[in-house]
Amino acid sequence: MSKPIQHLIETLVETAKEQGISQGELARRAGLTAVGLSKAKGRGDIRASSLAALAREVGLRLTLAPDQPQPSAVQDIKAGAFFRR
């Protein structure tokens, strides 16, 4: 079970509910079955394409972000390390 994936699925379902879309309707719109979405939510595992389809249905898109924030150029300049990047 992947906690981050499970959290993403739960967030998408909650976002849909805030928009007045039930979990079953969200699944249908994304090309999934309600049972399939429920199982994916419980397992914390889903195809990336299905996750992207769910996100699209609630007006979101999947993105990747660095795990650690990257230092800004300003911080590098202040540290005298700008040209060592």
PDB file of N, CA and C in Angstrom:
ATOM      1  N   MET A   1       0.849  -1.182   0.000  1.00  0.00           N
ATOM      2  CA  MET A   1       0.000   0.000   0.000  1.00  0.00           C
ATOM      3  C   MET A   1       0.890   1.240   0.000  1.00  0.00           C
ATOM      4  N   SER A   2       0.596   2.176  -0.858  1.00  0.00           N
ATOM      5  CA  SER A   2       1.344   3.414  -0.953  1.00  0.00           C
ATOM      6  C   SER A   2       0.536   4.548  -0.335  1.00  0.00           C
ATOM      7  N   LYS A   3       1.011   5.044   0.777  1.00  0.00           N
ATOM      8  CA  LYS A   3       0.298   6.135   1.457  1.00  0.00           C
ATOM      9  C   LYS A   3       0.192   7.391   0.587  1.00  0.00           C
ATOM     10  N   PRO A   4       1.272   7.799  -0.123  1.00  0.00           N
ATOM     11  CA  PRO A   4       1.122   8.996  -0.962  1.00  0.00           C
ATOM     12  C   PRO A   4       0.068   8.832  -2.055  1.00  0.00           C
ATOM     13  N   ILE A   5       0.018   7.656  -2.681  1.00  0.00           N
ATOM     14  CA  ILE A   5      -0.974   7.423  -3.738  1.00  0.00           C
ATOM     15  C   ILE A   5      -2.371   7.368  -3.131  1.00  0.00           C
ATOM     16  N   GLN A   6      -2.493   6.701  -2.009  1.00  0.00           N
ATOM     17  CA  GLN A   6      -3.788   6.636  -1.332  1.00  0.00           C
ATOM     18  C   GLN A   6      -4.267   8.045  -0.990  1.00  0.00           C
ATOM     19  N   HIS A   7      -3.361   8.878  -0.522  1.00  0.00           N
ATOM     20  CA  HIS A   7      -3.710  10.266  -0.181  1.00  0.00           C
ATOM     21  C   HIS A   7      -4.155  11.034  -1.431  1.00  0.00           C
ATOM     22  N   LEU A   8      -3.464  10.820  -2.561  1.00  0.00           N
ATOM     23  CA  LEU A   8      -3.865  11.484  -3.801  1.00  0.00           C
ATOM     24  C   LEU A   8      -5.277  11.081  -4.213  1.00  0.00           C
ATOM     25  N   ILE A   9      -5.558   9.805  -4.149  1.00  0.00           N
ATOM     26  CA  ILE A   9      -6.893   9.323  -4.530  1.00  0.00           C
ATOM     27  C   ILE A   9      -7.946   9.927  -3.614  1.00  0.00           C
ATOM     28  N   GLU A  10      -7.687   9.903  -2.311  1.00  0.00           N
ATOM     29  CA  GLU A  10      -8.636  10.466  -1.352  1.00  0.00           C
ATOM     30  C   GLU A  10      -8.847  11.957  -1.596  1.00  0.00           C
ATOM     31  N   THR A  11      -7.773  12.670  -1.916  1.00  0.00           N
ATOM     32  CA  THR A  11      -7.881  14.101  -2.203  1.00  0.00           C
ATOM     33  C   THR A  11      -8.740  14.346  -3.437  1.00  0.00           C
ATOM     34  N   LEU A  12      -8.563  13.537  -4.464  1.00  0.00           N
ATOM     35  CA  LEU A  12      -9.368  13.686  -5.676  1.00  0.00           C
ATOM     36  C   LEU A  12     -10.841  13.401  -5.407  1.00  0.00           C
ATOM     37  N   VAL A  13     -11.114  12.382  -4.620  1.00  0.00           N
ATOM     38  CA  VAL A  13     -12.505  12.046  -4.275  1.00  0.00           C
ATOM     39  C   VAL A  13     -13.125  13.172  -3.448  1.00  0.00           C
ATOM     40  N   GLU A  14     -12.366  13.713  -2.504  1.00  0.00           N
ATOM     41  CA  GLU A  14     -12.877  14.824  -1.676  1.00  0.00           C
ATOM     42  C   GLU A  14     -13.115  16.070  -2.526  1.00  0.00           C
ATOM     43  N   THR A  15     -12.207  16.342  -3.443  1.00  0.00           N
ATOM     44  CA  THR A  15     -12.374  17.493  -4.344  1.00  0.00           C
ATOM     45  C   THR A  15     -13.631  17.322  -5.187  1.00  0.00           C
ATOM     46  N   ALA A  16     -13.859  16.118  -5.662  1.00  0.00           N
ATOM     47  CA  ALA A  16     -15.074  15.840  -6.438  1.00  0.00           C
ATOM     48  C   ALA A  16     -16.316  16.078  -5.582  1.00  0.00           C
ATOM     49  N   LYS A  17     -16.293  15.593  -4.344  1.00  0.00           N
ATOM     50  CA  LYS A  17     -17.451  15.781  -3.454  1.00  0.00           C
ATOM     51  C   LYS A  17     -17.731  17.259  -3.223  1.00  0.00           C
ATOM     52  N   GLU A  18     -16.656  18.062  -3.085  1.00  0.00           N
ATOM     53  CA  GLU A  18     -16.829  19.510  -2.910  1.00  0.00           C
ATOM     54  C   GLU A  18     -17.485  20.142  -4.130  1.00  0.00           C
ATOM     55  N   GLN A  19     -17.322  19.508  -5.283  1.00  0.00           N
ATOM     56  CA  GLN A  19     -17.923  19.987  -6.526  1.00  0.00           C
ATOM     57  C   GLN A  19     -19.279  19.343  -6.792  1.00  0.00           C
ATOM     58  N   GLY A  20     -19.760  18.575  -5.831  1.00  0.00           N
ATOM     59  CA  GLY A  20     -21.059  17.930  -5.978  1.00  0.00           C
ATOM     60  C   GLY A  20     -21.035  16.666  -6.817  1.00  0.00           C
ATOM     61  N   ILE A  21     -19.863  16.064  -6.949  1.00  0.00           N
ATOM     62  CA  ILE A  21     -19.719  14.842  -7.738  1.00  0.00           C
ATOM     63  C   ILE A  21     -19.462  13.671  -6.798  1.00  0.00           C
ATOM     64  N   SER A  22     -20.290  12.656  -6.874  1.00  0.00           N
ATOM     65  CA  SER A  22     -20.103  11.489  -6.006  1.00  0.00           C
ATOM     66  C   SER A  22     -18.885  10.692  -6.470  1.00  0.00           C
ATOM     67  N   GLN A  23     -18.406   9.817  -5.607  1.00  0.00           N
ATOM     68  CA  GLN A  23     -17.271   8.964  -5.951  1.00  0.00           C
ATOM     69  C   GLN A  23     -17.608   8.079  -7.156  1.00  0.00           C
ATOM     70  N   GLY A  24     -18.807   7.547  -7.173  1.00  0.00           N
ATOM     71  CA  GLY A  24     -19.234   6.706  -8.288  1.00  0.00           C
ATOM     72  C   GLY A  24     -19.293   7.469  -9.599  1.00  0.00           C
ATOM     73  N   GLU A  25     -19.811   8.688  -9.541  1.00  0.00           N
ATOM     74  CA  GLU A  25     -19.900   9.519 -10.748  1.00  0.00           C
ATOM     75  C   GLU A  25     -18.506   9.916 -11.217  1.00  0.00           C
ATOM     76  N   LEU A  26     -17.617  10.233 -10.281  1.00  0.00           N
ATOM     77  CA  LEU A  26     -16.239  10.564 -10.629  1.00  0.00           C
ATOM     78  C   LEU A  26     -15.587   9.395 -11.358  1.00  0.00           C
ATOM     79  N   ALA A  27     -15.770   8.220 -10.815  1.00  0.00           N
ATOM     80  CA  ALA A  27     -15.204   7.021 -11.439  1.00  0.00           C
ATOM     81  C   ALA A  27     -15.736   6.850 -12.862  1.00  0.00           C
ATOM     82  N   ARG A  28     -17.038   6.964 -13.016  1.00  0.00           N
ATOM     83  CA  ARG A  28     -17.659   6.794 -14.332  1.00  0.00           C
ATOM     84  C   ARG A  28     -17.106   7.798 -15.328  1.00  0.00           C
ATOM     85  N   ARG A  29     -17.024   9.062 -14.925  1.00  0.00           N
ATOM     86  CA  ARG A  29     -16.523  10.115 -15.822  1.00  0.00           C
ATOM     87  C   ARG A  29     -15.071   9.873 -16.232  1.00  0.00           C
ATOM     88  N   ALA A  30     -14.304   9.259 -15.336  1.00  0.00           N
ATOM     89  CA  ALA A  30     -12.888   9.004 -15.612  1.00  0.00           C
ATOM     90  C   ALA A  30     -12.664   7.677 -16.332  1.00  0.00           C
ATOM     91  N   GLY A  31     -13.751   6.960 -16.619  1.00  0.00           N
ATOM     92  CA  GLY A  31     -13.631   5.690 -17.335  1.00  0.00           C
ATOM     93  C   GLY A  31     -13.312   4.508 -16.439  1.00  0.00           C
ATOM     94  N   LEU A  32     -13.610   4.634 -15.163  1.00  0.00           N
ATOM     95  CA  LEU A  32     -13.394   3.555 -14.194  1.00  0.00           C
ATOM     96  C   LEU A  32     -14.739   3.070 -13.686  1.00  0.00           C
ATOM     97  N   THR A  33     -14.723   1.944 -12.995  1.00  0.00           N
ATOM     98  CA  THR A  33     -15.935   1.514 -12.303  1.00  0.00           C
ATOM     99  C   THR A  33     -15.874   2.036 -10.876  1.00  0.00           C
ATOM    100  N   ALA A  34     -17.032   2.176 -10.269  1.00  0.00           N
ATOM    101  CA  ALA A  34     -17.078   2.626  -8.878  1.00  0.00           C
ATOM    102  C   ALA A  34     -16.341   1.638  -7.976  1.00  0.00           C
ATOM    103  N   VAL A  35     -16.512   0.346  -8.247  1.00  0.00           N
ATOM    104  CA  VAL A  35     -15.845  -0.691  -7.455  1.00  0.00           C
ATOM    105  C   VAL A  35     -14.332  -0.592  -7.644  1.00  0.00           C
ATOM    106  N   GLY A  36     -13.891  -0.375  -8.873  1.00  0.00           N
ATOM    107  CA  GLY A  36     -12.468  -0.260  -9.157  1.00  0.00           C
ATOM    108  C   GLY A  36     -11.836   0.914  -8.433  1.00  0.00           C
ATOM    109  N   LEU A  37     -12.528   2.054  -8.421  1.00  0.00           N
ATOM    110  CA  LEU A  37     -12.012   3.221  -7.711  1.00  0.00           C
ATOM    111  C   LEU A  37     -11.974   2.962  -6.215  1.00  0.00           C
ATOM    112  N   SER A  38     -13.014   2.341  -5.692  1.00  0.00           N
ATOM    113  CA  SER A  38     -13.058   2.027  -4.272  1.00  0.00           C
ATOM    114  C   SER A  38     -11.906   1.097  -3.875  1.00  0.00           C
ATOM    115  N   LYS A  39     -11.655   0.080  -4.708  1.00  0.00           N
ATOM    116  CA  LYS A  39     -10.551  -0.842  -4.419  1.00  0.00           C
ATOM    117  C   LYS A  39      -9.207  -0.134  -4.511  1.00  0.00           C
ATOM    118  N   ALA A  40      -9.028   0.716  -5.516  1.00  0.00           N
ATOM    119  CA  ALA A  40      -7.777   1.464  -5.673  1.00  0.00           C
ATOM    120  C   ALA A  40      -7.542   2.363  -4.464  1.00  0.00           C
ATOM    121  N   LYS A  41      -8.607   2.977  -3.998  1.00  0.00           N
ATOM    122  CA  LYS A  41      -8.528   3.848  -2.821  1.00  0.00           C
ATOM    123  C   LYS A  41      -8.099   3.047  -1.600  1.00  0.00           C
ATOM    124  N   GLY A  42      -8.646   1.874  -1.435  1.00  0.00           N
ATOM    125  CA  GLY A  42      -8.303   1.022  -0.293  1.00  0.00           C
ATOM    126  C   GLY A  42      -6.888   0.471  -0.374  1.00  0.00           C
ATOM    127  N   ARG A  43      -6.460   0.116  -1.581  1.00  0.00           N
ATOM    128  CA  ARG A  43      -5.111  -0.439  -1.770  1.00  0.00           C
ATOM    129  C   ARG A  43      -4.035   0.628  -1.759  1.00  0.00           C
ATOM    130  N   GLY A  44      -4.407   1.835  -2.190  1.00  0.00           N
ATOM    131  CA  GLY A  44      -3.398   2.878  -2.364  1.00  0.00           C
ATOM    132  C   GLY A  44      -2.566   2.610  -3.597  1.00  0.00           C
ATOM    133  N   ASP A  45      -3.215   2.056  -4.624  1.00  0.00           N
ATOM    134  CA  ASP A  45      -2.507   1.718  -5.853  1.00  0.00           C
ATOM    135  C   ASP A  45      -3.453   1.925  -7.031  1.00  0.00           C
ATOM    136  N   ILE A  46      -2.967   2.639  -8.054  1.00  0.00           N
ATOM    137  CA  ILE A  46      -3.789   2.923  -9.225  1.00  0.00           C
ATOM    138  C   ILE A  46      -2.855   3.244 -10.384  1.00  0.00           C
ATOM    139  N   ARG A  47      -3.298   2.987 -11.592  1.00  0.00           N
ATOM    140  CA  ARG A  47      -2.503   3.345 -12.768  1.00  0.00           C
ATOM    141  C   ARG A  47      -2.359   4.866 -12.839  1.00  0.00           C
ATOM    142  N   ALA A  48      -1.213   5.297 -13.333  1.00  0.00           N
ATOM    143  CA  ALA A  48      -0.988   6.739 -13.491  1.00  0.00           C
ATOM    144  C   ALA A  48      -2.021   7.343 -14.445  1.00  0.00           C
ATOM    145  N   SER A  49      -2.371   6.617 -15.512  1.00  0.00           N
ATOM    146  CA  SER A  49      -3.356   7.133 -16.472  1.00  0.00           C
ATOM    147  C   SER A  49      -4.723   7.302 -15.824  1.00  0.00           C
ATOM    148  N   SER A  50      -5.083   6.397 -14.926  1.00  0.00           N
ATOM    149  CA  SER A  50      -6.368   6.507 -14.223  1.00  0.00           C
ATOM    150  C   SER A  50      -6.338   7.673 -13.244  1.00  0.00           C
ATOM    151  N   LEU A  51      -5.222   7.844 -12.566  1.00  0.00           N
ATOM    152  CA  LEU A  51      -5.072   8.957 -11.631  1.00  0.00           C
ATOM    153  C   LEU A  51      -5.179  10.284 -12.382  1.00  0.00           C
ATOM    154  N   ALA A  52      -4.536  10.355 -13.554  1.00  0.00           N
ATOM    155  CA  ALA A  52      -4.607  11.570 -14.369  1.00  0.00           C
ATOM    156  C   ALA A  52      -6.037  11.826 -14.842  1.00  0.00           C
ATOM    157  N   ALA A  53      -6.762  10.774 -15.219  1.00  0.00           N
ATOM    158  CA  ALA A  53      -8.146  10.925 -15.670  1.00  0.00           C
ATOM    159  C   ALA A  53      -9.031  11.438 -14.534  1.00  0.00           C
ATOM    160  N   LEU A  54      -8.833  10.918 -13.338  1.00  0.00           N
ATOM    161  CA  LEU A  54      -9.593  11.385 -12.179  1.00  0.00           C
ATOM    162  C   LEU A  54      -9.308  12.863 -11.922  1.00  0.00           C
ATOM    163  N   ALA A  55      -8.038  13.221 -11.980  1.00  0.00           N
ATOM    164  CA  ALA A  55      -7.648  14.618 -11.738  1.00  0.00           C
ATOM    165  C   ALA A  55      -8.302  15.546 -12.767  1.00  0.00           C
ATOM    166  N   ARG A  56      -8.267  15.145 -14.032  1.00  0.00           N
ATOM    167  CA  ARG A  56      -8.874  15.970 -15.089  1.00  0.00           C
ATOM    168  C   ARG A  56     -10.346  16.229 -14.815  1.00  0.00           C
ATOM    169  N   GLU A  57     -11.032  15.234 -14.307  1.00  0.00           N
ATOM    170  CA  GLU A  57     -12.483  15.362 -14.072  1.00  0.00           C
ATOM    171  C   GLU A  57     -12.825  16.382 -12.991  1.00  0.00           C
ATOM    172  N   VAL A  58     -11.867  16.708 -12.142  1.00  0.00           N
ATOM    173  CA  VAL A  58     -12.122  17.712 -11.102  1.00  0.00           C
ATOM    174  C   VAL A  58     -11.326  18.994 -11.357  1.00  0.00           C
ATOM    175  N   GLY A  59     -10.799  19.125 -12.594  1.00  0.00           N
ATOM    176  CA  GLY A  59     -10.110  20.354 -12.971  1.00  0.00           C
ATOM    177  C   GLY A  59      -8.685  20.461 -12.458  1.00  0.00           C
ATOM    178  N   LEU A  60      -8.048  19.336 -12.213  1.00  0.00           N
ATOM    179  CA  LEU A  60      -6.665  19.333 -11.741  1.00  0.00           C
ATOM    180  C   LEU A  60      -5.794  18.578 -12.733  1.00  0.00           C
ATOM    181  N   ARG A  61      -4.483  18.693 -12.575  1.00  0.00           N
ATOM    182  CA  ARG A  61      -3.560  17.902 -13.374  1.00  0.00           C
ATOM    183  C   ARG A  61      -2.447  17.407 -12.469  1.00  0.00           C
ATOM    184  N   LEU A  62      -1.885  16.284 -12.846  1.00  0.00           N
ATOM    185  CA  LEU A  62      -0.791  15.710 -12.076  1.00  0.00           C
ATOM    186  C   LEU A  62       0.505  16.416 -12.434  1.00  0.00           C
ATOM    187  N   THR A  63       1.309  16.698 -11.431  1.00  0.00           N
ATOM    188  CA  THR A  63       2.627  17.280 -11.649  1.00  0.00           C
ATOM    189  C   THR A  63       3.606  16.632 -10.684  1.00  0.00           C
ATOM    190  N   LEU A  64       4.861  16.743 -11.012  1.00  0.00           N
ATOM    191  CA  LEU A  64       5.911  16.270 -10.120  1.00  0.00           C
ATOM    192  C   LEU A  64       6.637  17.486  -9.566  1.00  0.00           C
ATOM    193  N   ALA A  65       7.069  17.382  -8.335  1.00  0.00           N
ATOM    194  CA  ALA A  65       7.792  18.471  -7.697  1.00  0.00           C
ATOM    195  C   ALA A  65       9.004  17.890  -6.985  1.00  0.00           C
ATOM    196  N   PRO A  66      10.050  18.679  -6.852  1.00  0.00           N
ATOM    197  CA  PRO A  66      11.222  18.179  -6.142  1.00  0.00           C
ATOM    198  C   PRO A  66      10.860  17.808  -4.703  1.00  0.00           C
ATOM    199  N   ASP A  67      11.490  16.757  -4.230  1.00  0.00           N
ATOM    200  CA  ASP A  67      11.259  16.329  -2.853  1.00  0.00           C
ATOM    201  C   ASP A  67      11.802  17.356  -1.873  1.00  0.00           C
ATOM    202  N   GLN A  68      12.939  17.927  -2.219  1.00  0.00           N
ATOM    203  CA  GLN A  68      13.556  18.963  -1.398  1.00  0.00           C
ATOM    204  C   GLN A  68      13.524  20.269  -2.179  1.00  0.00           C
ATOM    205  N   PRO A  69      13.128  21.372  -1.537  1.00  0.00           N
ATOM    206  CA  PRO A  69      13.126  22.651  -2.247  1.00  0.00           C
ATOM    207  C   PRO A  69      14.539  22.988  -2.736  1.00  0.00           C
ATOM    208  N   GLN A  70      14.610  23.492  -3.949  1.00  0.00           N
ATOM    209  CA  GLN A  70      15.895  23.883  -4.514  1.00  0.00           C
ATOM    210  C   GLN A  70      16.244  25.285  -4.035  1.00  0.00           C
ATOM    211  N   PRO A  71      17.519  25.531  -3.710  1.00  0.00           N
ATOM    212  CA  PRO A  71      17.886  26.874  -3.267  1.00  0.00           C
ATOM    213  C   PRO A  71      17.686  27.871  -4.407  1.00  0.00           C
ATOM    214  N   SER A  72      17.275  29.044  -4.045  1.00  0.00           N
ATOM    215  CA  SER A  72      17.053  30.064  -5.069  1.00  0.00           C
ATOM    216  C   SER A  72      18.380  30.702  -5.460  1.00  0.00           C
ATOM    217  N   ALA A  73      18.381  31.349  -6.599  1.00  0.00           N
ATOM    218  CA  ALA A  73      19.578  32.041  -7.065  1.00  0.00           C
ATOM    219  C   ALA A  73      19.993  33.112  -6.065  1.00  0.00           C
ATOM    220  N   VAL A  74      19.022  33.786  -5.444  1.00  0.00           N
ATOM    221  CA  VAL A  74      19.332  34.820  -4.457  1.00  0.00           C
ATOM    222  C   VAL A  74      20.107  34.220  -3.288  1.00  0.00           C
ATOM    223  N   GLN A  75      19.661  33.068  -2.804  1.00  0.00           N
ATOM    224  CA  GLN A  75      20.374  32.406  -1.702  1.00  0.00           C
ATOM    225  C   GLN A  75      21.776  32.016  -2.130  1.00  0.00           C
ATOM    226  N   ASP A  76      21.922  31.544  -3.370  1.00  0.00           N
ATOM    227  CA  ASP A  76      23.241  31.164  -3.872  1.00  0.00           C
ATOM    228  C   ASP A  76      24.167  32.372  -3.964  1.00  0.00           C
ATOM    229  N   ILE A  77      23.624  33.493  -4.433  1.00  0.00           N
ATOM    230  CA  ILE A  77      24.436  34.702  -4.547  1.00  0.00           C
ATOM    231  C   ILE A  77      24.905  35.145  -3.164  1.00  0.00           C
ATOM    232  N   LYS A  78      23.978  35.165  -2.204  1.00  0.00           N
ATOM    233  CA  LYS A  78      24.335  35.572  -0.839  1.00  0.00           C
ATOM    234  C   LYS A  78      25.384  34.648  -0.233  1.00  0.00           C
ATOM    235  N   ALA A  79      25.332  33.382  -0.593  1.00  0.00           N
ATOM    236  CA  ALA A  79      26.287  32.412  -0.057  1.00  0.00           C
ATOM    237  C   ALA A  79      27.583  32.388  -0.868  1.00  0.00           C
ATOM    238  N   GLY A  80      27.644  33.188  -1.927  1.00  0.00           N
ATOM    239  CA  GLY A  80      28.833  33.207  -2.771  1.00  0.00           C
ATOM    240  C   GLY A  80      28.995  31.953  -3.615  1.00  0.00           C
ATOM    241  N   ALA A  81      27.903  31.279  -3.866  1.00  0.00           N
ATOM    242  CA  ALA A  81      27.971  29.998  -4.571  1.00  0.00           C
ATOM    243  C   ALA A  81      27.233  30.009  -5.902  1.00  0.00           C
ATOM    244  N   PHE A  82      26.871  31.171  -6.405  1.00  0.00           N
ATOM    245  CA  PHE A  82      26.054  31.237  -7.612  1.00  0.00           C
ATOM    246  C   PHE A  82      26.726  30.576  -8.807  1.00  0.00           C
ATOM    247  N   PHE A  83      28.037  30.779  -8.993  1.00  0.00           N
ATOM    248  CA  PHE A  83      28.713  30.234 -10.159  1.00  0.00           C
ATOM    249  C   PHE A  83      29.161  28.795  -9.965  1.00  0.00           C
ATOM    250  N   ARG A  84      28.850  28.218  -8.819  1.00  0.00           N
ATOM    251  CA  ARG A  84      29.160  26.813  -8.579  1.00  0.00           C
ATOM    252  C   ARG A  84      27.956  25.936  -8.871  1.00  0.00           C
ATOM    253  N   ARG A  85      26.871  26.505  -9.322  1.00  0.00           N
ATOM    254  CA  ARG A  85      25.647  25.752  -9.619  1.00  0.00           C
ATOM    255  C   ARG A  85      25.849  24.800 -10.738  1.00  0.00           C
TER     256      ARG A  85
END
